[in-house]
Every structure is written in structure tokens, then in C-alpha cells.
Amino acid sequence: MSEPDEMLEVYQFEGCPYCSKVRQKMTDLGIDFIARAVDPNDRSRVEEVSGQTNVPVLVDPNTDTTMPESDDIVEHLEQHYG
């Protein structure tokens, strides 16, 4: 697989084990990414991006993909960049 051409973004907050799982997978795959901090008490920005309020959310401009759910994100990363 290959490295992404454009930087991936992850909407997340510290202390979230699902977010940590996604960040760790990206680190393991050597993917540089932008970590967008989400205030757990104000998730309006993540809702604007993804249509829902859960984190993590991956924004991958290389595949025109925006997705929640850590397991789905990990699968996407492995499929496209693993």
C-alpha cells in the first residue's frame, strides 16, 4: 500500500480509548495525521463534519471518506495504507 497524498484528520479527545486505538494504528502504519481536539461537552464541530456526535471520526481526503467508529476506521486504514 502507499502513504496518503493528503493529510488525514482525526476528530478525537484525550482519554477516549477508541480514539487512542485509531491514533495508535495510524502511528503503527507511519501515517502523519492532524488530530482535531473535540471538546467532550461541545461536539458541534464533529457533528458538522460527520453528521453525528461520536468520536473518533476519520476524514480521509484521499478516498473522499468521512467515517466514525474505531473498528471501521482501523479497517479503512489497513485496507488503504497497510
N, C-alpha and C. Protein backbone atom coordinates (compact mmCIF):
# COMPACT_ATOMS: atom_id res chain seq x y z
N MET A 1 0.84 -1.18 0.00
CA MET A 1 0.00 0.00 0.00
C MET A 1 0.89 1.24 0.00
N SER A 2 0.26 2.37 0.04
CA SER A 2 1.03 3.60 -0.08
C SER A 2 0.66 4.59 1.02
N GLU A 3 1.51 5.59 1.14
CA GLU A 3 1.23 6.68 2.06
C GLU A 3 0.19 7.60 1.43
N PRO A 4 -0.62 8.23 2.25
CA PRO A 4 -1.62 9.16 1.70
C PRO A 4 -0.96 10.39 1.10
N ASP A 5 -1.54 10.89 0.01
CA ASP A 5 -1.05 12.12 -0.60
C ASP A 5 -1.41 13.33 0.25
N GLU A 6 -2.64 13.36 0.73
CA GLU A 6 -3.11 14.47 1.56
C GLU A 6 -3.22 14.01 3.01
N MET A 7 -3.04 14.94 3.92
CA MET A 7 -3.05 14.64 5.35
C MET A 7 -4.43 14.21 5.82
N LEU A 8 -4.47 13.11 6.57
CA LEU A 8 -5.71 12.65 7.17
C LEU A 8 -5.97 13.43 8.45
N GLU A 9 -7.24 13.51 8.83
CA GLU A 9 -7.63 14.19 10.06
C GLU A 9 -8.41 13.22 10.94
N VAL A 10 -8.18 13.31 12.23
CA VAL A 10 -8.93 12.52 13.19
C VAL A 10 -9.53 13.46 14.23
N TYR A 11 -10.84 13.45 14.32
CA TYR A 11 -11.54 14.21 15.36
C TYR A 11 -11.61 13.30 16.58
N GLN A 12 -11.11 13.79 17.71
CA GLN A 12 -10.94 12.94 18.87
C GLN A 12 -10.81 13.77 20.13
N PHE A 13 -10.84 13.10 21.27
CA PHE A 13 -10.47 13.78 22.50
C PHE A 13 -9.65 12.85 23.37
N GLU A 14 -8.81 13.45 24.18
CA GLU A 14 -7.93 12.70 25.06
C GLU A 14 -8.76 11.90 26.06
N GLY A 15 -8.27 10.74 26.40
CA GLY A 15 -8.97 9.90 27.36
C GLY A 15 -10.00 8.98 26.73
N CYS A 16 -10.20 9.09 25.44
CA CYS A 16 -11.14 8.23 24.72
C CYS A 16 -10.38 7.00 24.22
N PRO A 17 -10.69 5.80 24.72
CA PRO A 17 -9.94 4.61 24.30
C PRO A 17 -10.11 4.29 22.82
N TYR A 18 -11.25 4.62 22.25
CA TYR A 18 -11.48 4.36 20.83
C TYR A 18 -10.63 5.28 19.97
N CYS A 19 -10.49 6.52 20.42
CA CYS A 19 -9.63 7.48 19.73
C CYS A 19 -8.17 7.04 19.81
N SER A 20 -7.78 6.57 20.97
CA SER A 20 -6.42 6.09 21.17
C SER A 20 -6.11 4.92 20.24
N LYS A 21 -7.06 4.04 20.06
CA LYS A 21 -6.90 2.89 19.16
C LYS A 21 -6.61 3.36 17.74
N VAL A 22 -7.34 4.36 17.28
CA VAL A 22 -7.16 4.89 15.92
C VAL A 22 -5.81 5.59 15.81
N ARG A 23 -5.48 6.43 16.78
CA ARG A 23 -4.19 7.13 16.75
C ARG A 23 -3.03 6.13 16.73
N GLN A 24 -3.15 5.07 17.53
CA GLN A 24 -2.09 4.07 17.59
C GLN A 24 -1.94 3.35 16.25
N LYS A 25 -3.04 3.01 15.61
CA LYS A 25 -2.97 2.34 14.30
C LYS A 25 -2.31 3.24 13.27
N MET A 26 -2.64 4.52 13.29
CA MET A 26 -2.04 5.46 12.34
C MET A 26 -0.53 5.58 12.61
N THR A 27 -0.15 5.61 13.87
CA THR A 27 1.26 5.66 14.23
C THR A 27 1.97 4.39 13.78
N ASP A 28 1.35 3.23 14.03
CA ASP A 28 1.94 1.95 13.63
C ASP A 28 2.15 1.87 12.12
N LEU A 29 1.23 2.47 11.36
CA LEU A 29 1.33 2.45 9.90
C LEU A 29 2.22 3.58 9.36
N GLY A 30 2.70 4.44 10.25
CA GLY A 30 3.56 5.55 9.83
C GLY A 30 2.82 6.64 9.10
N ILE A 31 1.55 6.82 9.42
CA ILE A 31 0.73 7.82 8.75
C ILE A 31 0.76 9.11 9.57
N ASP A 32 1.20 10.19 8.95
CA ASP A 32 1.09 11.51 9.58
C ASP A 32 -0.37 11.95 9.50
N PHE A 33 -0.85 12.57 10.56
CA PHE A 33 -2.24 12.99 10.58
C PHE A 33 -2.40 14.22 11.45
N ILE A 34 -3.52 14.88 11.26
CA ILE A 34 -3.88 16.03 12.08
C ILE A 34 -4.90 15.54 13.11
N ALA A 35 -4.59 15.72 14.38
CA ALA A 35 -5.51 15.37 15.46
C ALA A 35 -6.32 16.61 15.81
N ARG A 36 -7.60 16.55 15.55
CA ARG A 36 -8.51 17.65 15.85
C ARG A 36 -9.15 17.40 17.22
N ALA A 37 -8.81 18.23 18.17
CA ALA A 37 -9.35 18.07 19.53
C ALA A 37 -10.83 18.46 19.55
N VAL A 38 -11.63 17.59 20.11
CA VAL A 38 -13.06 17.83 20.26
C VAL A 38 -13.34 18.01 21.76
N ASP A 39 -14.06 19.06 22.09
CA ASP A 39 -14.48 19.27 23.47
C ASP A 39 -15.60 18.27 23.76
N PRO A 40 -15.42 17.40 24.75
CA PRO A 40 -16.46 16.42 25.05
C PRO A 40 -17.82 17.05 25.38
N ASN A 41 -17.81 18.30 25.81
CA ASN A 41 -19.05 18.99 26.15
C ASN A 41 -19.64 19.79 24.99
N ASP A 42 -18.91 19.87 23.89
CA ASP A 42 -19.40 20.61 22.71
C ASP A 42 -18.90 19.90 21.45
N ARG A 43 -19.72 19.02 20.95
CA ARG A 43 -19.32 18.21 19.80
C ARG A 43 -19.93 18.73 18.49
N SER A 44 -20.27 20.00 18.47
CA SER A 44 -20.92 20.56 17.28
C SER A 44 -20.02 20.49 16.05
N ARG A 45 -18.72 20.68 16.22
CA ARG A 45 -17.81 20.64 15.06
C ARG A 45 -17.76 19.24 14.45
N VAL A 46 -17.67 18.22 15.28
CA VAL A 46 -17.64 16.86 14.74
C VAL A 46 -18.98 16.51 14.10
N GLU A 47 -20.06 17.06 14.62
CA GLU A 47 -21.38 16.84 14.02
C GLU A 47 -21.46 17.50 12.65
N GLU A 48 -20.87 18.69 12.51
CA GLU A 48 -20.84 19.37 11.21
C GLU A 48 -20.09 18.53 10.18
N VAL A 49 -19.02 17.90 10.60
CA VAL A 49 -18.16 17.13 9.69
C VAL A 49 -18.78 15.79 9.32
N SER A 50 -19.37 15.11 10.33
CA SER A 50 -19.77 13.72 10.11
C SER A 50 -21.26 13.45 10.20
N GLY A 51 -22.04 14.41 10.68
CA GLY A 51 -23.46 14.19 10.82
C GLY A 51 -23.86 13.48 12.10
N GLN A 52 -22.90 13.21 12.96
CA GLN A 52 -23.18 12.58 14.25
C GLN A 52 -22.17 13.12 15.27
N THR A 53 -22.33 12.76 16.53
CA THR A 53 -21.51 13.39 17.58
C THR A 53 -20.48 12.47 18.21
N ASN A 54 -20.40 11.23 17.78
CA ASN A 54 -19.44 10.30 18.38
C ASN A 54 -18.04 10.54 17.83
N VAL A 55 -17.04 10.23 18.64
CA VAL A 55 -15.65 10.24 18.21
C VAL A 55 -15.08 8.84 18.44
N PRO A 56 -14.09 8.46 17.69
CA PRO A 56 -13.35 9.24 16.69
C PRO A 56 -14.08 9.31 15.36
N VAL A 57 -13.66 10.29 14.57
CA VAL A 57 -14.11 10.42 13.19
C VAL A 57 -12.87 10.64 12.34
N LEU A 58 -12.76 9.86 11.28
CA LEU A 58 -11.66 10.00 10.33
C LEU A 58 -12.14 10.77 9.12
N VAL A 59 -11.34 11.74 8.68
CA VAL A 59 -11.58 12.43 7.41
C VAL A 59 -10.38 12.11 6.53
N ASP A 60 -10.64 11.37 5.45
CA ASP A 60 -9.59 10.96 4.52
C ASP A 60 -9.88 11.58 3.16
N PRO A 61 -9.23 12.70 2.84
CA PRO A 61 -9.48 13.35 1.56
C PRO A 61 -8.96 12.55 0.37
N ASN A 62 -8.08 11.60 0.61
CA ASN A 62 -7.53 10.79 -0.47
C ASN A 62 -8.55 9.81 -1.03
N THR A 63 -9.47 9.38 -0.19
CA THR A 63 -10.52 8.44 -0.63
C THR A 63 -11.90 9.07 -0.55
N ASP A 64 -11.95 10.37 -0.26
CA ASP A 64 -13.21 11.10 -0.11
C ASP A 64 -14.12 10.41 0.91
N THR A 65 -13.51 10.07 2.07
CA THR A 65 -14.21 9.32 3.10
C THR A 65 -14.23 10.09 4.40
N THR A 66 -15.40 10.13 5.03
CA THR A 66 -15.55 10.60 6.40
C THR A 66 -16.28 9.50 7.14
N MET A 67 -15.65 8.97 8.20
CA MET A 67 -16.28 7.84 8.88
C MET A 67 -16.04 7.86 10.38
N PRO A 68 -17.07 7.46 11.15
CA PRO A 68 -16.92 7.24 12.58
C PRO A 68 -16.59 5.76 12.83
N GLU A 69 -16.56 5.39 14.10
CA GLU A 69 -16.39 4.01 14.56
C GLU A 69 -14.95 3.53 14.40
N SER A 70 -14.29 3.32 15.52
CA SER A 70 -12.87 2.98 15.53
C SER A 70 -12.56 1.71 14.75
N ASP A 71 -13.37 0.66 14.87
CA ASP A 71 -13.09 -0.57 14.13
C ASP A 71 -13.16 -0.35 12.63
N ASP A 72 -14.14 0.42 12.18
CA ASP A 72 -14.27 0.73 10.75
C ASP A 72 -13.10 1.58 10.28
N ILE A 73 -12.67 2.51 11.11
CA ILE A 73 -11.55 3.37 10.74
C ILE A 73 -10.28 2.54 10.62
N VAL A 74 -10.03 1.66 11.59
CA VAL A 74 -8.84 0.80 11.54
C VAL A 74 -8.86 -0.06 10.29
N GLU A 75 -10.00 -0.63 9.96
CA GLU A 75 -10.12 -1.45 8.75
C GLU A 75 -9.82 -0.62 7.50
N HIS A 76 -10.34 0.60 7.45
CA HIS A 76 -10.09 1.50 6.32
C HIS A 76 -8.60 1.80 6.20
N LEU A 77 -7.96 2.10 7.32
CA LEU A 77 -6.53 2.41 7.30
C LEU A 77 -5.71 1.22 6.82
N GLU A 78 -6.03 0.03 7.31
CA GLU A 78 -5.31 -1.17 6.89
C GLU A 78 -5.52 -1.45 5.41
N GLN A 79 -6.75 -1.27 4.95
CA GLN A 79 -7.08 -1.55 3.56
C GLN A 79 -6.37 -0.60 2.60
N HIS A 80 -6.29 0.67 2.97
CA HIS A 80 -5.74 1.67 2.05
C HIS A 80 -4.27 1.99 2.29
N TYR A 81 -3.78 1.83 3.52
CA TYR A 81 -2.42 2.28 3.83
C TYR A 81 -1.57 1.23 4.54
N GLY A 82 -2.14 0.03 4.75
CA GLY A 82 -1.42 -1.01 5.49
C GLY A 82 -0.50 -1.84 4.65
